[in-house]
Amino acid sequence: MKIRKNRWFSAKSAETCLLSLIALTAAFLLFYHSFLSQSPLWRVINRVGSDAQMVMRPVEGAENSIILQLINFSTLPRAKVLVNGQVKGDFTHPYMTVPVSEGDRIEVDTTFYDHPVTVKVLDSTRQVISPAMGAEFSGKKTVFTLGKVKLAGKS
C-alpha cells in the first residue's frame, strides 16, 4: 500500500503551527495579565492610607476631641481606648480620635499584648488642657491611664 503525501499538509508543519499557536496564546495571556488587567493587589495598595484623613478628622458634633497616635506599631486592633470605662474605639489605624468632655478619664487597655505599647497625644482641640499635647504613655499587659480631661475655662 502506497502512502500518499499531501503537498499542502504535513505532520511537521502541523506540529510547528500548533506549537506556534500555543506560544502566541501564552504570550498574549502573559501580556494581558501584566499590563491590561486590573490586579487585585493594586486595589489594596490604593486603599492603604486612604482613610487616614477620615480617622484624623475631629469627630462631627463633638466640641472637644483628642487625637491619639500609636507609636511603636502601625496597628493593634485589640488595644482598646476607654473613656470613663466605656470602649470608644481601638487602634485598627495608627490614629484614633476620641471625643471628650470635662472630667472624662481616658485609658488604653493593652492586656491582650505581651509587649510594651506606647501611645502619644498627637493633637487636641484648643480647649483641652490635659492630657497635654505631645505626652507619651506606655504600658504592657495592663490598662494605663492617660489622665482626666481638663478643659480651659472649666473648673
N, C-alpha and C. Protein backbone atom coordinates (compact mmCIF):
# COMPACT_ATOMS: atom_id res chain seq x y z
N MET A 1 0.83 -1.16 0.00
CA MET A 1 0.00 0.00 0.00
C MET A 1 0.89 1.24 0.00
N LYS A 2 0.55 2.14 -0.84
CA LYS A 2 1.36 3.33 -1.01
C LYS A 2 0.74 4.47 -0.20
N ILE A 3 1.58 5.13 0.62
CA ILE A 3 1.11 6.27 1.41
C ILE A 3 1.25 7.51 0.56
N ARG A 4 0.16 8.18 0.47
CA ARG A 4 0.13 9.36 -0.37
C ARG A 4 0.51 10.59 0.45
N LYS A 5 1.45 11.36 -0.02
CA LYS A 5 1.87 12.57 0.67
C LYS A 5 1.09 13.75 0.14
N ASN A 6 0.61 14.54 1.07
CA ASN A 6 -0.12 15.74 0.70
C ASN A 6 0.88 16.90 0.67
N ARG A 7 0.88 17.64 -0.40
CA ARG A 7 1.84 18.73 -0.51
C ARG A 7 1.48 19.90 0.40
N TRP A 8 0.23 20.07 0.70
CA TRP A 8 -0.22 21.22 1.47
C TRP A 8 -0.19 20.96 2.98
N PHE A 9 -0.17 19.74 3.37
CA PHE A 9 -0.27 19.43 4.78
C PHE A 9 0.71 18.32 5.12
N SER A 10 1.54 18.58 6.14
CA SER A 10 2.44 17.53 6.61
C SER A 10 2.42 17.54 8.14
N ALA A 11 2.84 16.49 8.75
CA ALA A 11 2.85 16.38 10.21
C ALA A 11 3.81 17.40 10.81
N LYS A 12 4.92 17.62 10.14
CA LYS A 12 5.91 18.58 10.64
C LYS A 12 5.34 20.01 10.65
N SER A 13 4.67 20.40 9.57
CA SER A 13 4.10 21.75 9.52
C SER A 13 2.92 21.89 10.50
N ALA A 14 2.15 20.85 10.72
CA ALA A 14 1.05 20.88 11.68
C ALA A 14 1.60 21.05 13.10
N GLU A 15 2.67 20.34 13.39
CA GLU A 15 3.30 20.46 14.71
C GLU A 15 3.85 21.87 14.92
N THR A 16 4.48 22.42 13.92
CA THR A 16 5.03 23.77 14.00
C THR A 16 3.92 24.80 14.20
N CYS A 17 2.85 24.67 13.46
CA CYS A 17 1.71 25.60 13.60
C CYS A 17 1.08 25.51 14.98
N LEU A 18 0.90 24.30 15.47
CA LEU A 18 0.29 24.10 16.77
C LEU A 18 1.17 24.67 17.89
N LEU A 19 2.46 24.42 17.85
CA LEU A 19 3.37 24.97 18.86
C LEU A 19 3.44 26.49 18.78
N SER A 20 3.40 27.04 17.58
CA SER A 20 3.39 28.50 17.42
C SER A 20 2.12 29.10 18.02
N LEU A 21 0.99 28.46 17.78
CA LEU A 21 -0.28 28.93 18.32
C LEU A 21 -0.26 28.90 19.86
N ILE A 22 0.27 27.84 20.43
CA ILE A 22 0.36 27.73 21.90
C ILE A 22 1.28 28.81 22.46
N ALA A 23 2.42 29.04 21.81
CA ALA A 23 3.36 30.06 22.28
C ALA A 23 2.75 31.46 22.18
N LEU A 24 2.05 31.76 21.09
CA LEU A 24 1.41 33.06 20.94
C LEU A 24 0.30 33.27 21.97
N THR A 25 -0.46 32.23 22.24
CA THR A 25 -1.52 32.31 23.24
C THR A 25 -0.93 32.57 24.63
N ALA A 26 0.13 31.85 24.97
CA ALA A 26 0.78 32.06 26.27
C ALA A 26 1.34 33.48 26.37
N ALA A 27 1.95 33.97 25.30
CA ALA A 27 2.50 35.34 25.31
C ALA A 27 1.38 36.37 25.45
N PHE A 28 0.26 36.16 24.78
CA PHE A 28 -0.88 37.07 24.88
C PHE A 28 -1.43 37.09 26.31
N LEU A 29 -1.61 35.92 26.91
CA LEU A 29 -2.13 35.86 28.28
C LEU A 29 -1.18 36.53 29.27
N LEU A 30 0.11 36.32 29.10
CA LEU A 30 1.09 36.96 29.96
C LEU A 30 1.03 38.49 29.81
N PHE A 31 0.96 38.97 28.59
CA PHE A 31 0.85 40.40 28.33
C PHE A 31 -0.43 40.97 28.93
N TYR A 32 -1.54 40.28 28.72
CA TYR A 32 -2.83 40.75 29.23
C TYR A 32 -2.81 40.87 30.75
N HIS A 33 -2.34 39.84 31.42
CA HIS A 33 -2.33 39.85 32.88
C HIS A 33 -1.33 40.84 33.45
N SER A 34 -0.26 41.09 32.72
CA SER A 34 0.77 42.01 33.22
C SER A 34 0.39 43.47 33.03
N PHE A 35 -0.21 43.81 31.90
CA PHE A 35 -0.39 45.22 31.58
C PHE A 35 -1.85 45.68 31.50
N LEU A 36 -2.74 44.82 31.11
CA LEU A 36 -4.09 45.29 30.83
C LEU A 36 -5.10 45.02 31.95
N SER A 37 -4.98 43.89 32.61
CA SER A 37 -5.99 43.58 33.62
C SER A 37 -5.70 44.34 34.91
N GLN A 38 -6.73 44.60 35.67
CA GLN A 38 -6.60 45.29 36.95
C GLN A 38 -6.21 44.26 38.00
N SER A 39 -5.02 44.38 38.53
CA SER A 39 -4.53 43.45 39.53
C SER A 39 -5.25 43.68 40.85
N PRO A 40 -5.63 42.62 41.56
CA PRO A 40 -6.26 42.79 42.87
C PRO A 40 -5.32 43.48 43.86
N LEU A 41 -4.02 43.32 43.67
CA LEU A 41 -3.05 43.95 44.55
C LEU A 41 -3.12 45.46 44.46
N TRP A 42 -3.37 46.00 43.26
CA TRP A 42 -3.46 47.46 43.11
C TRP A 42 -4.66 48.01 43.85
N ARG A 43 -5.74 47.26 43.92
CA ARG A 43 -6.91 47.74 44.66
C ARG A 43 -6.59 47.88 46.15
N VAL A 44 -5.79 46.96 46.68
CA VAL A 44 -5.41 47.02 48.09
C VAL A 44 -4.40 48.15 48.31
N ILE A 45 -3.41 48.27 47.43
CA ILE A 45 -2.38 49.30 47.58
C ILE A 45 -3.00 50.69 47.52
N ASN A 46 -3.96 50.90 46.64
CA ASN A 46 -4.58 52.21 46.52
C ASN A 46 -5.38 52.60 47.76
N ARG A 47 -5.87 51.61 48.52
CA ARG A 47 -6.67 51.92 49.70
C ARG A 47 -5.83 52.18 50.94
N VAL A 48 -4.58 51.71 50.96
CA VAL A 48 -3.74 51.87 52.14
C VAL A 48 -3.51 53.35 52.40
N GLY A 49 -3.87 53.81 53.56
CA GLY A 49 -3.69 55.20 53.93
C GLY A 49 -4.77 56.13 53.42
N SER A 50 -5.70 55.62 52.60
CA SER A 50 -6.72 56.50 52.04
C SER A 50 -7.73 56.95 53.10
N ASP A 51 -7.85 56.19 54.18
CA ASP A 51 -8.79 56.56 55.22
C ASP A 51 -8.13 57.31 56.37
N ALA A 52 -6.85 57.64 56.24
CA ALA A 52 -6.15 58.34 57.32
C ALA A 52 -6.76 59.70 57.58
N GLN A 53 -7.17 60.41 56.54
CA GLN A 53 -7.78 61.72 56.73
C GLN A 53 -9.11 61.59 57.48
N MET A 54 -9.84 60.53 57.18
CA MET A 54 -11.12 60.32 57.85
C MET A 54 -10.90 60.02 59.33
N VAL A 55 -9.85 59.26 59.66
CA VAL A 55 -9.58 58.89 61.04
C VAL A 55 -9.08 60.09 61.84
N MET A 56 -8.27 60.94 61.21
CA MET A 56 -7.66 62.05 61.93
C MET A 56 -8.54 63.29 62.00
N ARG A 57 -9.65 63.31 61.30
CA ARG A 57 -10.56 64.45 61.33
C ARG A 57 -11.29 64.47 62.67
N PRO A 58 -11.50 65.65 63.25
CA PRO A 58 -12.26 65.71 64.51
C PRO A 58 -13.67 65.14 64.32
N VAL A 59 -14.16 64.53 65.37
CA VAL A 59 -15.47 63.89 65.33
C VAL A 59 -16.55 64.96 65.15
N GLU A 60 -17.48 64.68 64.22
CA GLU A 60 -18.57 65.62 63.96
C GLU A 60 -19.47 65.70 65.19
N GLY A 61 -19.86 66.88 65.57
CA GLY A 61 -20.78 67.06 66.68
C GLY A 61 -20.10 67.10 68.04
N ALA A 62 -18.82 66.77 68.10
CA ALA A 62 -18.12 66.82 69.38
C ALA A 62 -17.37 68.14 69.47
N GLU A 63 -17.57 68.84 70.57
CA GLU A 63 -16.88 70.12 70.74
C GLU A 63 -15.40 69.92 70.96
N ASN A 64 -15.05 68.96 71.78
CA ASN A 64 -13.65 68.75 72.14
C ASN A 64 -13.25 67.32 71.81
N SER A 65 -12.04 67.18 71.30
CA SER A 65 -11.55 65.84 70.96
C SER A 65 -10.04 65.79 71.11
N ILE A 66 -9.54 64.57 71.25
CA ILE A 66 -8.11 64.31 71.36
C ILE A 66 -7.76 63.28 70.29
N ILE A 67 -6.64 63.49 69.61
CA ILE A 67 -6.16 62.51 68.62
C ILE A 67 -4.99 61.77 69.24
N LEU A 68 -5.13 60.45 69.37
CA LEU A 68 -4.09 59.60 69.92
C LEU A 68 -3.35 58.90 68.78
N GLN A 69 -2.04 58.74 68.95
CA GLN A 69 -1.23 58.07 67.94
C GLN A 69 -0.53 56.88 68.57
N LEU A 70 -0.61 55.75 67.89
CA LEU A 70 0.10 54.55 68.30
C LEU A 70 1.54 54.69 67.83
N ILE A 71 2.50 54.67 68.73
CA ILE A 71 3.89 55.00 68.39
C ILE A 71 4.66 53.81 67.84
N ASN A 72 4.74 52.72 68.55
CA ASN A 72 5.67 51.65 68.18
C ASN A 72 5.07 50.56 67.30
N PHE A 73 3.85 50.71 66.84
CA PHE A 73 3.23 49.74 65.93
C PHE A 73 2.32 50.48 64.96
N SER A 74 2.04 49.86 63.83
CA SER A 74 1.14 50.50 62.87
C SER A 74 -0.32 50.26 63.24
N THR A 75 -0.64 49.08 63.72
CA THR A 75 -2.00 48.78 64.19
C THR A 75 -1.93 47.78 65.34
N LEU A 76 -2.83 47.92 66.26
CA LEU A 76 -3.04 46.95 67.34
C LEU A 76 -4.55 46.90 67.58
N PRO A 77 -5.26 46.08 66.82
CA PRO A 77 -6.72 46.11 66.89
C PRO A 77 -7.31 45.70 68.23
N ARG A 78 -6.54 45.02 69.07
CA ARG A 78 -7.08 44.62 70.37
C ARG A 78 -6.66 45.56 71.50
N ALA A 79 -6.00 46.65 71.15
CA ALA A 79 -5.71 47.70 72.13
C ALA A 79 -6.89 48.66 72.09
N LYS A 80 -7.62 48.72 73.17
CA LYS A 80 -8.87 49.50 73.22
C LYS A 80 -8.66 50.84 73.91
N VAL A 81 -9.35 51.85 73.43
CA VAL A 81 -9.36 53.17 74.06
C VAL A 81 -10.65 53.27 74.87
N LEU A 82 -10.50 53.56 76.16
CA LEU A 82 -11.64 53.64 77.07
C LEU A 82 -11.83 55.08 77.53
N VAL A 83 -13.06 55.53 77.55
CA VAL A 83 -13.41 56.82 78.14
C VAL A 83 -14.43 56.54 79.23
N ASN A 84 -14.04 56.84 80.47
CA ASN A 84 -14.89 56.54 81.64
C ASN A 84 -15.26 55.07 81.70
N GLY A 85 -14.33 54.19 81.34
CA GLY A 85 -14.55 52.76 81.41
C GLY A 85 -15.30 52.17 80.23
N GLN A 86 -15.77 52.99 79.31
CA GLN A 86 -16.51 52.52 78.13
C GLN A 86 -15.58 52.49 76.92
N VAL A 87 -15.64 51.42 76.15
CA VAL A 87 -14.80 51.31 74.95
C VAL A 87 -15.30 52.30 73.91
N LYS A 88 -14.41 53.17 73.47
CA LYS A 88 -14.75 54.18 72.45
C LYS A 88 -14.09 53.89 71.11
N GLY A 89 -13.17 52.94 71.08
CA GLY A 89 -12.52 52.60 69.82
C GLY A 89 -11.30 51.73 70.06
N ASP A 90 -10.60 51.44 68.98
CA ASP A 90 -9.38 50.63 69.06
C ASP A 90 -8.36 51.18 68.06
N PHE A 91 -7.21 50.57 68.05
CA PHE A 91 -6.14 51.02 67.17
C PHE A 91 -6.04 50.14 65.93
N THR A 92 -7.15 50.03 65.18
CA THR A 92 -7.08 49.38 63.87
C THR A 92 -6.34 50.27 62.89
N HIS A 93 -6.21 51.54 63.23
CA HIS A 93 -5.40 52.51 62.49
C HIS A 93 -4.39 53.07 63.49
N PRO A 94 -3.31 53.66 63.02
CA PRO A 94 -2.35 54.22 63.98
C PRO A 94 -2.85 55.47 64.70
N TYR A 95 -3.95 56.04 64.23
CA TYR A 95 -4.50 57.24 64.85
C TYR A 95 -5.93 56.98 65.31
N MET A 96 -6.28 57.59 66.43
CA MET A 96 -7.62 57.41 66.99
C MET A 96 -8.11 58.75 67.52
N THR A 97 -9.25 59.21 67.03
CA THR A 97 -9.85 60.46 67.50
C THR A 97 -10.90 60.13 68.55
N VAL A 98 -10.76 60.76 69.72
CA VAL A 98 -11.64 60.47 70.85
C VAL A 98 -12.37 61.75 71.25
N PRO A 99 -13.71 61.75 71.20
CA PRO A 99 -14.46 62.91 71.72
C PRO A 99 -14.40 62.91 73.24
N VAL A 100 -14.17 64.08 73.83
CA VAL A 100 -14.01 64.16 75.28
C VAL A 100 -14.83 65.32 75.86
N SER A 101 -15.07 65.21 77.16
CA SER A 101 -15.74 66.26 77.93
C SER A 101 -14.94 66.48 79.21
N GLU A 102 -15.27 67.53 79.92
CA GLU A 102 -14.60 67.85 81.19
C GLU A 102 -14.73 66.68 82.16
N GLY A 103 -13.60 66.26 82.75
CA GLY A 103 -13.60 65.20 83.76
C GLY A 103 -13.56 63.78 83.22
N ASP A 104 -13.60 63.60 81.92
CA ASP A 104 -13.52 62.24 81.36
C ASP A 104 -12.17 61.61 81.69
N ARG A 105 -12.20 60.33 82.03
CA ARG A 105 -10.97 59.59 82.32
C ARG A 105 -10.64 58.75 81.08
N ILE A 106 -9.47 59.01 80.48
CA ILE A 106 -9.07 58.32 79.25
C ILE A 106 -8.05 57.25 79.61
N GLU A 107 -8.31 56.02 79.14
CA GLU A 107 -7.43 54.88 79.41
C GLU A 107 -7.22 54.10 78.12
N VAL A 108 -6.13 53.32 78.10
CA VAL A 108 -5.85 52.43 76.98
C VAL A 108 -5.65 51.03 77.55
N ASP A 109 -6.42 50.07 77.05
CA ASP A 109 -6.37 48.69 77.50
C ASP A 109 -5.44 47.89 76.59
N THR A 110 -4.30 47.46 77.13
CA THR A 110 -3.32 46.68 76.35
C THR A 110 -3.14 45.28 76.94
N THR A 111 -4.13 44.78 77.67
CA THR A 111 -3.99 43.49 78.36
C THR A 111 -3.80 42.32 77.41
N PHE A 112 -4.17 42.47 76.15
CA PHE A 112 -4.02 41.37 75.19
C PHE A 112 -2.57 41.20 74.74
N TYR A 113 -1.78 42.25 74.78
CA TYR A 113 -0.44 42.23 74.18
C TYR A 113 0.65 42.02 75.22
N ASP A 114 1.63 41.16 74.87
CA ASP A 114 2.76 40.84 75.75
C ASP A 114 3.94 41.79 75.58
N HIS A 115 3.79 42.81 74.80
CA HIS A 115 4.89 43.75 74.55
C HIS A 115 4.44 45.16 74.93
N PRO A 116 5.40 46.04 75.19
CA PRO A 116 5.03 47.41 75.57
C PRO A 116 4.33 48.14 74.43
N VAL A 117 3.30 48.88 74.78
CA VAL A 117 2.54 49.67 73.82
C VAL A 117 2.68 51.14 74.23
N THR A 118 3.07 51.99 73.27
CA THR A 118 3.24 53.41 73.55
C THR A 118 2.23 54.21 72.75
N VAL A 119 1.53 55.11 73.45
CA VAL A 119 0.52 55.96 72.83
C VAL A 119 0.90 57.41 73.11
N LYS A 120 0.78 58.25 72.08
CA LYS A 120 1.11 59.67 72.19
C LYS A 120 -0.14 60.50 71.95
N VAL A 121 -0.30 61.57 72.73
CA VAL A 121 -1.37 62.53 72.48
C VAL A 121 -0.87 63.43 71.35
N LEU A 122 -1.32 63.15 70.14
CA LEU A 122 -0.80 63.83 68.96
C LEU A 122 -1.36 65.24 68.83
N ASP A 123 -2.66 65.39 69.05
CA ASP A 123 -3.29 66.70 68.87
C ASP A 123 -4.58 66.73 69.69
N SER A 124 -5.06 67.93 69.91
CA SER A 124 -6.34 68.09 70.61
C SER A 124 -6.92 69.45 70.24
N THR A 125 -8.18 69.63 70.56
CA THR A 125 -8.79 70.93 70.32
C THR A 125 -8.20 71.93 71.30
N ARG A 126 -8.38 73.20 71.03
CA ARG A 126 -7.74 74.26 71.83
C ARG A 126 -8.17 74.26 73.29
N GLN A 127 -9.39 73.85 73.57
CA GLN A 127 -9.89 73.91 74.94
C GLN A 127 -9.29 72.82 75.84
N VAL A 128 -8.74 71.76 75.26
CA VAL A 128 -8.21 70.65 76.06
C VAL A 128 -6.85 71.04 76.63
N ILE A 129 -6.76 71.08 77.96
CA ILE A 129 -5.51 71.40 78.64
C ILE A 129 -4.77 70.12 79.01
N SER A 130 -5.52 69.16 79.52
CA SER A 130 -4.93 67.91 79.96
C SER A 130 -5.76 66.76 79.41
N PRO A 131 -5.17 65.69 78.94
CA PRO A 131 -3.75 65.38 78.81
C PRO A 131 -3.08 66.29 77.78
N ALA A 132 -1.83 66.65 78.07
CA ALA A 132 -1.11 67.62 77.26
C ALA A 132 -0.72 67.05 75.91
N MET A 133 -0.72 67.92 74.92
CA MET A 133 -0.31 67.53 73.58
C MET A 133 1.17 67.13 73.59
N GLY A 134 1.49 66.02 72.96
CA GLY A 134 2.87 65.53 72.91
C GLY A 134 3.22 64.55 74.01
N ALA A 135 2.36 64.38 75.00
CA ALA A 135 2.63 63.45 76.10
C ALA A 135 2.57 62.01 75.60
N GLU A 136 3.50 61.18 76.08
CA GLU A 136 3.54 59.77 75.71
C GLU A 136 3.29 58.91 76.94
N PHE A 137 2.54 57.83 76.73
CA PHE A 137 2.20 56.91 77.80
C PHE A 137 2.47 55.50 77.32
N SER A 138 2.98 54.64 78.22
CA SER A 138 3.30 53.26 77.84
C SER A 138 2.72 52.29 78.86
N GLY A 139 2.50 51.07 78.39
CA GLY A 139 2.04 50.01 79.25
C GLY A 139 2.20 48.66 78.59
N LYS A 140 2.31 47.61 79.41
CA LYS A 140 2.47 46.25 78.90
C LYS A 140 1.52 45.35 79.67
N LYS A 141 0.58 44.73 78.96
CA LYS A 141 -0.42 43.83 79.55
C LYS A 141 -1.16 44.51 80.71
N THR A 142 -1.60 45.73 80.50
CA THR A 142 -2.27 46.48 81.56
C THR A 142 -3.24 47.49 80.95
N VAL A 143 -3.97 48.15 81.81
CA VAL A 143 -4.80 49.28 81.40
C VAL A 143 -4.11 50.52 81.97
N PHE A 144 -3.54 51.35 81.10
CA PHE A 144 -2.86 52.54 81.61
C PHE A 144 -3.70 53.78 81.35
N THR A 145 -3.58 54.74 82.25
CA THR A 145 -4.40 55.94 82.23
C THR A 145 -3.64 57.09 81.59
N LEU A 146 -4.31 57.79 80.67
CA LEU A 146 -3.74 59.00 80.08
C LEU A 146 -4.06 60.21 80.95
N GLY A 147 -5.04 60.08 81.80
CA GLY A 147 -5.38 61.15 82.72
C GLY A 147 -6.83 61.57 82.59
N LYS A 148 -7.20 62.53 83.44
CA LYS A 148 -8.54 63.12 83.38
C LYS A 148 -8.48 64.33 82.48
N VAL A 149 -9.53 64.53 81.73
CA VAL A 149 -9.58 65.65 80.79
C VAL A 149 -9.88 66.93 81.56
N LYS A 150 -9.05 67.94 81.30
CA LYS A 150 -9.29 69.27 81.85
C LYS A 150 -9.43 70.21 80.67
N LEU A 151 -10.49 71.00 80.72
CA LEU A 151 -10.77 71.94 79.64
C LEU A 151 -10.53 73.37 80.12
N ALA A 152 -10.10 74.23 79.22
CA ALA A 152 -9.89 75.64 79.55
C ALA A 152 -11.23 76.30 79.86
N GLY A 153 -11.25 77.13 80.88
CA GLY A 153 -12.47 77.85 81.24
C GLY A 153 -13.43 77.04 82.08
N LYS A 154 -13.10 75.79 82.40
CA LYS A 154 -13.97 74.96 83.24
C LYS A 154 -13.23 74.67 84.54
N SER A 155 -13.95 74.56 85.62
CA SER A 155 -13.30 74.30 86.91
C SER A 155 -13.66 72.94 87.41
